[in-house]
C-alpha atoms as a PDB file:
ATOM      1  CA  MET A   1       0.000   0.000   0.000  1.00  0.00           C
ATOM      2  CA  ASN A   2       2.999   2.365   0.501  1.00  0.00           C
ATOM      3  CA  GLU A   3       3.620   2.583  -3.232  1.00  0.00           C
ATOM      4  CA  PHE A   4       0.332   4.358  -3.874  1.00  0.00           C
ATOM      5  CA  LYS A   5      -0.337   8.039  -3.821  1.00  0.00           C
ATOM      6  CA  ASN A   6      -3.391   8.438  -1.616  1.00  0.00           C
ATOM      7  CA  ILE A   7      -5.553  11.158  -3.152  1.00  0.00           C
ATOM      8  CA  GLY A   8      -8.225  10.941  -0.478  1.00  0.00           C
ATOM      9  CA  THR A   9     -11.937  10.670  -1.028  1.00  0.00           C
ATOM     10  CA  CYS A  10     -13.244   9.820  -4.489  1.00  0.00           C
ATOM     11  CA  SER A  11     -15.078  12.727  -6.141  1.00  0.00           C
ATOM     12  CA  ASN A  12     -17.926  10.356  -7.006  1.00  0.00           C
ATOM     13  CA  ASP A  13     -20.449   8.730  -4.743  1.00  0.00           C
ATOM     14  CA  CYS A  14     -20.107   5.056  -5.745  1.00  0.00           C
ATOM     15  CA  GLN A  15     -23.764   4.985  -6.705  1.00  0.00           C
ATOM     16  CA  HIS A  16     -23.257   7.855  -9.145  1.00  0.00           C
ATOM     17  CA  CYS A  17     -19.837   6.845 -10.441  1.00  0.00           C
ATOM     18  CA  PRO A  18     -19.868   6.732 -14.279  1.00  0.00           C
ATOM     19  CA  ASN A  19     -18.460   3.188 -14.103  1.00  0.00           C
ATOM     20  CA  CYS A  20     -21.052   1.838 -11.691  1.00  0.00           C
ATOM     21  CA  LYS A  21     -23.607   0.733 -14.285  1.00  0.00           C
ATOM     22  CA  VAL A  22     -21.144  -1.775 -15.744  1.00  0.00           C
ATOM     23  CA  SER A  23     -19.328  -2.766 -12.545  1.00  0.00           C
ATOM     24  CA  VAL A  24     -19.918  -5.642 -10.131  1.00  0.00           C
ATOM     25  CA  PHE A  25     -21.387  -3.089  -7.697  1.00  0.00           C
ATOM     26  CA  SER A  26     -24.248  -1.969  -9.935  1.00  0.00           C
ATOM     27  CA  ASP A  27     -27.000  -3.833  -8.034  1.00  0.00           C
ATOM     28  CA  LEU A  28     -26.124  -2.689  -4.512  1.00  0.00           C
ATOM     29  CA  ASP A  29     -28.716  -0.884  -2.418  1.00  0.00           C
ATOM     30  CA  GLN A  30     -28.276   2.504  -0.737  1.00  0.00           C
ATOM     31  CA  THR A  31     -27.036   0.982   2.526  1.00  0.00           C
ATOM     32  CA  ASP A  32     -24.298  -0.934   0.723  1.00  0.00           C
ATOM     33  CA  PHE A  33     -23.286   2.133  -1.303  1.00  0.00           C
ATOM     34  CA  ASN A  34     -23.044   4.117   1.940  1.00  0.00           C
ATOM     35  CA  LEU A  35     -20.731   1.413   3.301  1.00  0.00           C
ATOM     36  CA  LEU A  36     -18.519   1.568   0.203  1.00  0.00           C
ATOM     37  CA  ASN A  37     -18.352   5.355   0.331  1.00  0.00           C
ATOM     38  CA  ALA A  38     -17.323   5.255   3.987  1.00  0.00           C
ATOM     39  CA  GLU A  39     -14.634   2.584   3.638  1.00  0.00           C
ATOM     40  CA  LYS A  40     -13.029   2.998   0.196  1.00  0.00           C
ATOM     41  CA  ILE A  41      -9.722   4.770  -0.350  1.00  0.00           C
ATOM     42  CA  THR A  42      -8.932   6.448  -3.667  1.00  0.00           C
ATOM     43  CA  MET A  43      -5.359   6.022  -4.903  1.00  0.00           C
ATOM     44  CA  GLN A  44      -3.230   6.840  -7.903  1.00  0.00           C
ATOM     45  CA  LEU A  45      -0.502   4.829  -9.599  1.00  0.00           C
ATOM     46  CA  ASN A  46       2.067   6.096 -12.041  1.00  0.00           C
ATOM     47  CA  LYS A  47       2.953   4.064 -15.139  1.00  0.00           C
ATOM     48  CA  GLY A  48       4.976   1.020 -14.093  1.00  0.00           C
ATOM     49  CA  GLN A  49       3.903   1.035 -10.442  1.00  0.00           C
ATOM     50  CA  SER A  50       2.765  -2.249  -8.937  1.00  0.00           C
ATOM     51  CA  LEU A  51      -0.778  -2.677  -7.723  1.00  0.00           C
ATOM     52  CA  PHE A  52       0.139  -5.947  -6.014  1.00  0.00           C
ATOM     53  CA  LEU A  53       2.827  -8.602  -6.390  1.00  0.00           C
ATOM     54  CA  GLN A  54       2.541 -12.277  -7.226  1.00  0.00           C
ATOM     55  CA  ASP A  55       2.447 -14.604  -4.181  1.00  0.00           C
ATOM     56  CA  THR A  56       1.590 -11.822  -1.716  1.00  0.00           C
ATOM     57  CA  LYS A  57      -1.452 -11.796   0.539  1.00  0.00           C
ATOM     58  CA  PRO A  58      -4.548  -9.821  -0.565  1.00  0.00           C
ATOM     59  CA  HIS A  59      -5.974  -7.187   1.759  1.00  0.00           C
ATOM     60  CA  GLY A  60      -8.709  -5.757  -0.432  1.00  0.00           C
ATOM     61  CA  LEU A  61     -10.242  -5.289  -3.859  1.00  0.00           C
ATOM     62  CA  TYR A  62      -9.215  -2.703  -6.452  1.00  0.00           C
ATOM     63  CA  CYS A  63     -11.758  -1.020  -8.731  1.00  0.00           C
ATOM     64  CA  ILE A  64     -10.252   0.933 -11.620  1.00  0.00           C
ATOM     65  CA  LYS A  65     -11.794   4.374 -11.952  1.00  0.00           C
ATOM     66  CA  LYS A  66      -9.618   5.440 -14.897  1.00  0.00           C
ATOM     67  CA  GLY A  67      -6.548   3.847 -16.399  1.00  0.00           C
ATOM     68  CA  LYS A  68      -5.046   0.614 -17.684  1.00  0.00           C
ATOM     69  CA  VAL A  69      -3.543  -2.314 -15.765  1.00  0.00           C
ATOM     70  CA  LYS A  70      -1.802  -5.517 -16.841  1.00  0.00           C
ATOM     71  CA  ILE A  71      -2.202  -8.710 -14.820  1.00  0.00           C
ATOM     72  CA  TYR A  72       0.757 -11.014 -15.282  1.00  0.00           C
ATOM     73  CA  ARG A  73       2.427 -14.129 -13.947  1.00  0.00           C
ATOM     74  CA  ARG A  74       6.163 -14.768 -13.701  1.00  0.00           C
ATOM     75  CA  GLY A  75       7.604 -18.241 -14.201  1.00  0.00           C
ATOM     76  CA  SER A  76      10.472 -19.784 -12.248  1.00  0.00           C
ATOM     77  CA  GLU A  77      12.994 -18.141 -14.590  1.00  0.00           C
ATOM     78  CA  GLY A  78      11.391 -14.704 -14.250  1.00  0.00           C
ATOM     79  CA  LYS A  79       9.686 -14.711 -17.664  1.00  0.00           C
ATOM     80  CA  GLU A  80       6.534 -12.601 -17.596  1.00  0.00           C
ATOM     81  CA  GLN A  81       3.287 -13.754 -19.209  1.00  0.00           C
ATOM     82  CA  ILE A  82       0.468 -11.205 -19.392  1.00  0.00           C
ATOM     83  CA  VAL A  83      -2.734 -13.118 -18.661  1.00  0.00           C
ATOM     84  CA  ARG A  84      -5.302 -10.318 -18.561  1.00  0.00           C
ATOM     85  CA  LEU A  85      -5.732  -6.619 -19.287  1.00  0.00           C
ATOM     86  CA  ALA A  86      -7.967  -4.332 -17.221  1.00  0.00           C
ATOM     87  CA  ASN A  87      -9.302  -0.802 -17.609  1.00  0.00           C
ATOM     88  CA  ASP A  88     -12.094   1.530 -16.441  1.00  0.00           C
ATOM     89  CA  ALA A  89     -14.742  -0.178 -14.242  1.00  0.00           C
ATOM     90  CA  ASP A  90     -12.813  -3.465 -14.012  1.00  0.00           C
ATOM     91  CA  VAL A  91     -12.083  -4.971 -10.609  1.00  0.00           C
ATOM     92  CA  VAL A  92      -8.679  -6.480  -9.949  1.00  0.00           C
ATOM     93  CA  GLY A  93      -7.586  -8.989  -7.326  1.00  0.00           C
ATOM     94  CA  TYR A  94     -10.993 -10.548  -6.698  1.00  0.00           C
ATOM     95  CA  ARG A  95      -9.999 -14.186  -7.293  1.00  0.00           C
ATOM     96  CA  ALA A  96      -7.499 -14.273  -4.434  1.00  0.00           C
ATOM     97  CA  LEU A  97     -10.032 -12.595  -2.152  1.00  0.00           C
ATOM     98  CA  ILE A  98     -12.755 -15.118  -2.927  1.00  0.00           C
ATOM     99  CA  SER A  99     -10.457 -18.144  -2.621  1.00  0.00           C
ATOM    100  CA  ASP A 100      -8.610 -16.686   0.405  1.00  0.00           C
ATOM    101  CA  GLU A 101      -5.253 -17.451  -1.208  1.00  0.00           C
ATOM    102  CA  ASN A 102      -2.189 -15.419  -2.099  1.00  0.00           C
ATOM    103  CA  TYR A 103      -2.201 -13.636  -5.444  1.00  0.00           C
ATOM    104  CA  HIS A 104      -1.324 -16.045  -8.260  1.00  0.00           C
ATOM    105  CA  CYS A 105      -0.451 -13.045 -10.459  1.00  0.00           C
ATOM    106  CA  GLY A 106       0.927  -9.539 -10.118  1.00  0.00           C
ATOM    107  CA  ALA A 107      -0.652  -6.322 -11.419  1.00  0.00           C
ATOM    108  CA  THR A 108       1.064  -3.187 -12.755  1.00  0.00           C
ATOM    109  CA  ALA A 109      -0.225   0.093 -14.181  1.00  0.00           C
ATOM    110  CA  LEU A 110       0.303   0.552 -17.927  1.00  0.00           C
ATOM    111  CA  GLU A 111      -0.337   4.282 -17.582  1.00  0.00           C
ATOM    112  CA  GLU A 112      -1.326   6.746 -14.860  1.00  0.00           C
ATOM    113  CA  THR A 113      -4.239   4.985 -13.166  1.00  0.00           C
ATOM    114  CA  THR A 114      -6.778   6.066 -10.563  1.00  0.00           C
ATOM    115  CA  LEU A 115      -8.497   3.354  -8.558  1.00  0.00           C
ATOM    116  CA  CYS A 116     -10.548   2.767  -5.451  1.00  0.00           C
ATOM    117  CA  TYR A 117      -9.334   0.311  -2.818  1.00  0.00           C
ATOM    118  CA  ILE A 118     -11.994  -1.523  -0.804  1.00  0.00           C
ATOM    119  CA  PRO A 119     -10.797  -3.443   2.281  1.00  0.00           C
ATOM    120  CA  LYS A 120     -11.208  -7.210   2.404  1.00  0.00           C
ATOM    121  CA  PRO A 121     -13.746  -7.290   5.315  1.00  0.00           C
ATOM    122  CA  ILE A 122     -16.087  -4.970   3.372  1.00  0.00           C
ATOM    123  CA  ILE A 123     -15.948  -7.153   0.258  1.00  0.00           C
ATOM    124  CA  HIS A 124     -16.621 -10.294   2.302  1.00  0.00           C
ATOM    125  CA  LYS A 125     -19.571  -8.587   3.998  1.00  0.00           C
ATOM    126  CA  LEU A 126     -21.030  -7.587   0.613  1.00  0.00           C
ATOM    127  CA  LEU A 127     -20.539 -11.096  -0.779  1.00  0.00           C
ATOM    128  CA  ASP A 128     -22.204 -12.653   2.251  1.00  0.00           C
ATOM    129  CA  GLU A 129     -25.211 -10.341   2.157  1.00  0.00           C
ATOM    130  CA  ASN A 130     -25.759  -9.578  -1.528  1.00  0.00           C
ATOM    131  CA  ILE A 131     -26.422 -12.406  -3.975  1.00  0.00           C
ATOM    132  CA  GLY A 132     -26.184 -10.011  -6.944  1.00  0.00           C
ATOM    133  CA  ILE A 133     -22.543  -9.077  -6.417  1.00  0.00           C
ATOM    134  CA  TYR A 134     -21.726 -12.710  -5.619  1.00  0.00           C
ATOM    135  CA  LYS A 135     -23.188 -13.856  -8.950  1.00  0.00           C
ATOM    136  CA  LYS A 136     -21.259 -11.162 -10.821  1.00  0.00           C
ATOM    137  CA  MET A 137     -18.002 -12.244  -9.191  1.00  0.00           C
ATOM    138  CA  VAL A 138     -18.697 -15.847 -10.212  1.00  0.00           C
ATOM    139  CA  THR A 139     -19.374 -14.642 -13.772  1.00  0.00           C
ATOM    140  CA  LEU A 140     -16.024 -12.826 -13.775  1.00  0.00           C
ATOM    141  CA  LEU A 141     -14.292 -16.003 -12.653  1.00  0.00           C
ATOM    142  CA  ALA A 142     -16.039 -18.008 -15.381  1.00  0.00           C
ATOM    143  CA  ASN A 143     -15.009 -15.466 -18.035  1.00  0.00           C
ATOM    144  CA  ASP A 144     -11.417 -15.538 -16.788  1.00  0.00           C
ATOM    145  CA  LEU A 145     -11.406 -19.327 -17.036  1.00  0.00           C
ATOM    146  CA  LYS A 146     -12.812 -19.175 -20.573  1.00  0.00           C
ATOM    147  CA  GLN A 147     -10.135 -16.673 -21.633  1.00  0.00           C
ATOM    148  CA  ALA A 148      -7.428 -18.832 -20.073  1.00  0.00           C
ATOM    149  CA  GLU A 149      -8.705 -21.899 -21.939  1.00  0.00           C
ATOM    150  CA  ASN A 150      -8.778 -19.955 -25.225  1.00  0.00           C
ATOM    151  CA  LYS A 151      -5.247 -18.713 -24.559  1.00  0.00           C
ATOM    152  CA  LEU A 152      -3.958 -22.239 -23.964  1.00  0.00           C
ATOM    153  CA  SER A 153      -5.680 -23.433 -27.136  1.00  0.00           C
ATOM    154  CA  ASP A 154      -4.155 -20.605 -29.180  1.00  0.00           C
ATOM    155  CA  LEU A 155      -0.671 -21.250 -27.789  1.00  0.00           C
ATOM    156  CA  ALA A 156      -0.974 -24.927 -28.669  1.00  0.00           C
ATOM    157  CA  GLN A 157      -2.558 -24.593 -32.115  1.00  0.00           C
ATOM    158  CA  LYS A 158      -2.022 -21.151 -33.662  1.00  0.00           C
ATOM    159  CA  PRO A 159       1.223 -20.004 -35.306  1.00  0.00           C
ATOM    160  CA  VAL A 160       2.792 -16.886 -33.799  1.00  0.00           C
ATOM    161  CA  ARG A 161       1.794 -14.723 -36.779  1.00  0.00           C
ATOM    162  CA  GLU A 162      -1.893 -15.512 -36.181  1.00  0.00           C
ATOM    163  CA  ARG A 163      -1.555 -14.853 -32.441  1.00  0.00           C
ATOM    164  CA  VAL A 164       0.031 -11.453 -33.063  1.00  0.00           C
ATOM    165  CA  ALA A 165      -2.827 -10.432 -35.359  1.00  0.00           C
ATOM    166  CA  GLU A 166      -5.417 -11.667 -32.860  1.00  0.00           C
ATOM    167  CA  SER A 167      -3.693  -9.871 -29.960  1.00  0.00           C
ATOM    168  CA  ILE A 168      -3.787  -6.551 -31.825  1.00  0.00           C
ATOM    169  CA  LEU A 169      -7.527  -7.013 -32.399  1.00  0.00           C
ATOM    170  CA  ILE A 170      -8.056  -7.943 -28.738  1.00  0.00           C
ATOM    171  CA  LEU A 171      -6.278  -4.731 -27.698  1.00  0.00           C
ATOM    172  CA  LYS A 172      -8.544  -2.753 -30.032  1.00  0.00           C
ATOM    173  CA  ASN A 173     -11.662  -4.314 -28.503  1.00  0.00           C
ATOM    174  CA  LYS A 174     -10.394  -3.811 -24.949  1.00  0.00           C
ATOM    175  CA  TYR A 175      -8.998  -0.281 -25.120  1.00  0.00           C
ATOM    176  CA  GLY A 176     -10.491   1.177 -28.279  1.00  0.00           C
ATOM    177  CA  LEU A 177      -8.869   3.588 -30.721  1.00  0.00           C
ATOM    178  CA  GLU A 178      -7.584   7.140 -30.469  1.00  0.00           C
ATOM    179  CA  GLN A 179      -9.338  10.042 -32.184  1.00  0.00           C
ATOM    180  CA  ASP A 180      -7.839   9.158 -35.557  1.00  0.00           C
ATOM    181  CA  GLY A 181      -9.930   5.969 -35.543  1.00  0.00           C
ATOM    182  CA  GLN A 182      -6.881   3.796 -36.299  1.00  0.00           C
ATOM    183  CA  THR A 183      -4.310   3.991 -33.481  1.00  0.00           C
ATOM    184  CA  LEU A 184      -4.675   1.640 -30.510  1.00  0.00           C
ATOM    185  CA  ASN A 185      -5.499   3.580 -27.349  1.00  0.00           C
ATOM    186  CA  VAL A 186      -2.778   1.868 -25.324  1.00  0.00           C
ATOM    187  CA  LYS A 187       1.008   2.093 -25.251  1.00  0.00           C
ATOM    188  CA  LEU A 188       2.843  -1.224 -24.902  1.00  0.00           C
ATOM    189  CA  SER A 189       6.511  -2.022 -25.183  1.00  0.00           C
ATOM    190  CA  ARG A 190       7.497  -4.732 -27.634  1.00  0.00           C
ATOM    191  CA  GLU A 191       8.321  -6.946 -24.655  1.00  0.00           C
ATOM    192  CA  GLU A 192       4.868  -6.400 -23.137  1.00  0.00           C
ATOM    193  CA  LEU A 193       3.136  -7.201 -26.424  1.00  0.00           C
ATOM    194  CA  ALA A 194       5.287 -10.326 -26.770  1.00  0.00           C
ATOM    195  CA  ASN A 195       4.216 -11.322 -23.262  1.00  0.00           C
ATOM    196  CA  ILE A 196       0.571 -11.009 -24.315  1.00  0.00           C
ATOM    197  CA  VAL A 197       1.131 -13.066 -27.457  1.00  0.00           C
ATOM    198  CA  GLY A 198       3.263 -15.650 -25.668  1.00  0.00           C
ATOM    199  CA  THR A 199       6.366 -15.457 -27.825  1.00  0.00           C
ATOM    200  CA  ALA A 200       9.918 -14.155 -27.793  1.00  0.00           C
ATOM    201  CA  THR A 201      10.342 -10.405 -28.226  1.00  0.00           C
ATOM    202  CA  GLU A 202      12.545 -10.975 -31.281  1.00  0.00           C
ATOM    203  CA  SER A 203       9.798 -12.998 -32.997  1.00  0.00           C
ATOM    204  CA  LEU A 204       7.210 -10.337 -32.176  1.00  0.00           C
ATOM    205  CA  ILE A 205       9.382  -7.571 -33.631  1.00  0.00           C
ATOM    206  CA  ARG A 206       9.950  -9.554 -36.836  1.00  0.00           C
ATOM    207  CA  ILE A 207       6.214 -10.186 -37.344  1.00  0.00           C
ATOM    208  CA  LEU A 208       5.290  -6.561 -36.649  1.00  0.00           C
ATOM    209  CA  SER A 209       7.872  -5.546 -39.246  1.00  0.00           C
ATOM    210  CA  ASP A 210       6.275  -7.964 -41.730  1.00  0.00           C
ATOM    211  CA  PHE A 211       2.807  -6.525 -40.994  1.00  0.00           C
ATOM    212  CA  LYS A 212       4.178  -3.033 -41.593  1.00  0.00           C
ATOM    213  CA  LYS A 213       5.733  -4.039 -44.938  1.00  0.00           C
ATOM    214  CA  GLU A 214       2.411  -5.595 -45.970  1.00  0.00           C
ATOM    215  CA  GLY A 215       0.553  -2.366 -45.209  1.00  0.00           C
ATOM    216  CA  ILE A 216      -1.501  -3.889 -42.369  1.00  0.00           C
ATOM    217  CA  ILE A 217      -0.213  -1.612 -39.598  1.00  0.00           C
ATOM    218  CA  GLU A 218       2.014   1.368 -38.931  1.00  0.00           C
ATOM    219  CA  LEU A 219       4.406   1.572 -35.986  1.00  0.00           C
ATOM    220  CA  GLU A 220       5.461   4.616 -34.011  1.00  0.00           C
ATOM    221  CA  LEU A 221       7.441   3.863 -30.864  1.00  0.00           C
ATOM    222  CA  LYS A 222       4.945   2.085 -28.539  1.00  0.00           C
ATOM    223  CA  ARG A 223       1.919   2.869 -30.690  1.00  0.00           C
ATOM    224  CA  ILE A 224       0.296   0.663 -33.324  1.00  0.00           C
ATOM    225  CA  LYS A 225      -1.965   2.055 -36.050  1.00  0.00           C
ATOM    226  CA  ILE A 226      -4.285  -0.415 -37.779  1.00  0.00           C
ATOM    227  CA  LEU A 227      -4.398   0.275 -41.528  1.00  0.00           C
ATOM    228  CA  ASP A 228      -6.150  -2.889 -42.725  1.00  0.00           C
ATOM    229  CA  GLU A 229      -8.391  -4.464 -40.078  1.00  0.00           C
ATOM    230  CA  ASP A 230      -9.898  -6.990 -42.498  1.00  0.00           C
ATOM    231  CA  HIS A 231      -6.421  -8.305 -43.246  1.00  0.00           C
ATOM    232  CA  LEU A 232      -5.786  -8.670 -39.509  1.00  0.00           C
ATOM    233  CA  PHE A 233      -9.007 -10.671 -39.103  1.00  0.00           C
ATOM    234  CA  HIS A 234      -8.043 -12.996 -41.946  1.00  0.00           C
ATOM    235  CA  THR A 235      -4.497 -13.352 -40.648  1.00  0.00           C
ATOM    236  CA  ALA A 236      -5.826 -14.275 -37.196  1.00  0.00           C
ATOM    237  CA  HIS A 237      -8.205 -16.792 -38.866  1.00  0.00           C
ATOM    238  CA  LEU A 238     -11.139 -15.259 -37.000  1.00  0.00           C
ATOM    239  CA  TYR A 239     -13.415 -15.771 -40.009  1.00  0.00           C
ATOM    240  CA  ASP A 240     -12.989 -19.572 -39.926  1.00  0.00           C
END
């Protein structure tokens, strides 16, 4: 918790937060919202700051108000694999809270991120007393499992070139595009993108260079501009 900049009380009542309608807290009643407002702490991370570390004990839940976070796991040799991406309205760290285990993954801000921290006893109280939030947490877990299964299938069956194309499209769907309608609204290093794809950084760089030569994308530092989305879909074999 020391790594965060505490910026005090959130400017939004949880009930009137712009993210609430799509968050796990959307079905809470006034009493529960009052509890959240009284107990939450609003914090800010700079790009590259850790939200929590793999194998540490959870003390609460994190709800992203604005920003982008990567959830990753490190292997025995220190190799990072990005397993999930989170942004506005997403909650992070819920699986360890529900299972009462240490974090299986770490989480780090991809850009300046504002979030609300809700202590563990408050989350457990809400889960015990509100079937709606409990069901939404279970749905999140099911979706995570589905994504993990799809990831394993892709790693086993899809060539790297297809996985790179699919990962670019996933980033578009997750974070959207900038005002030009072409550039991904997220900055990722080549190493981070390789960790999403599940390949060596050198292989990722070579395939991105091929995509650029073929007129599918443009590259500018950590930004990727999609020039031919249909070609990306076909390359990823998403039409099959």
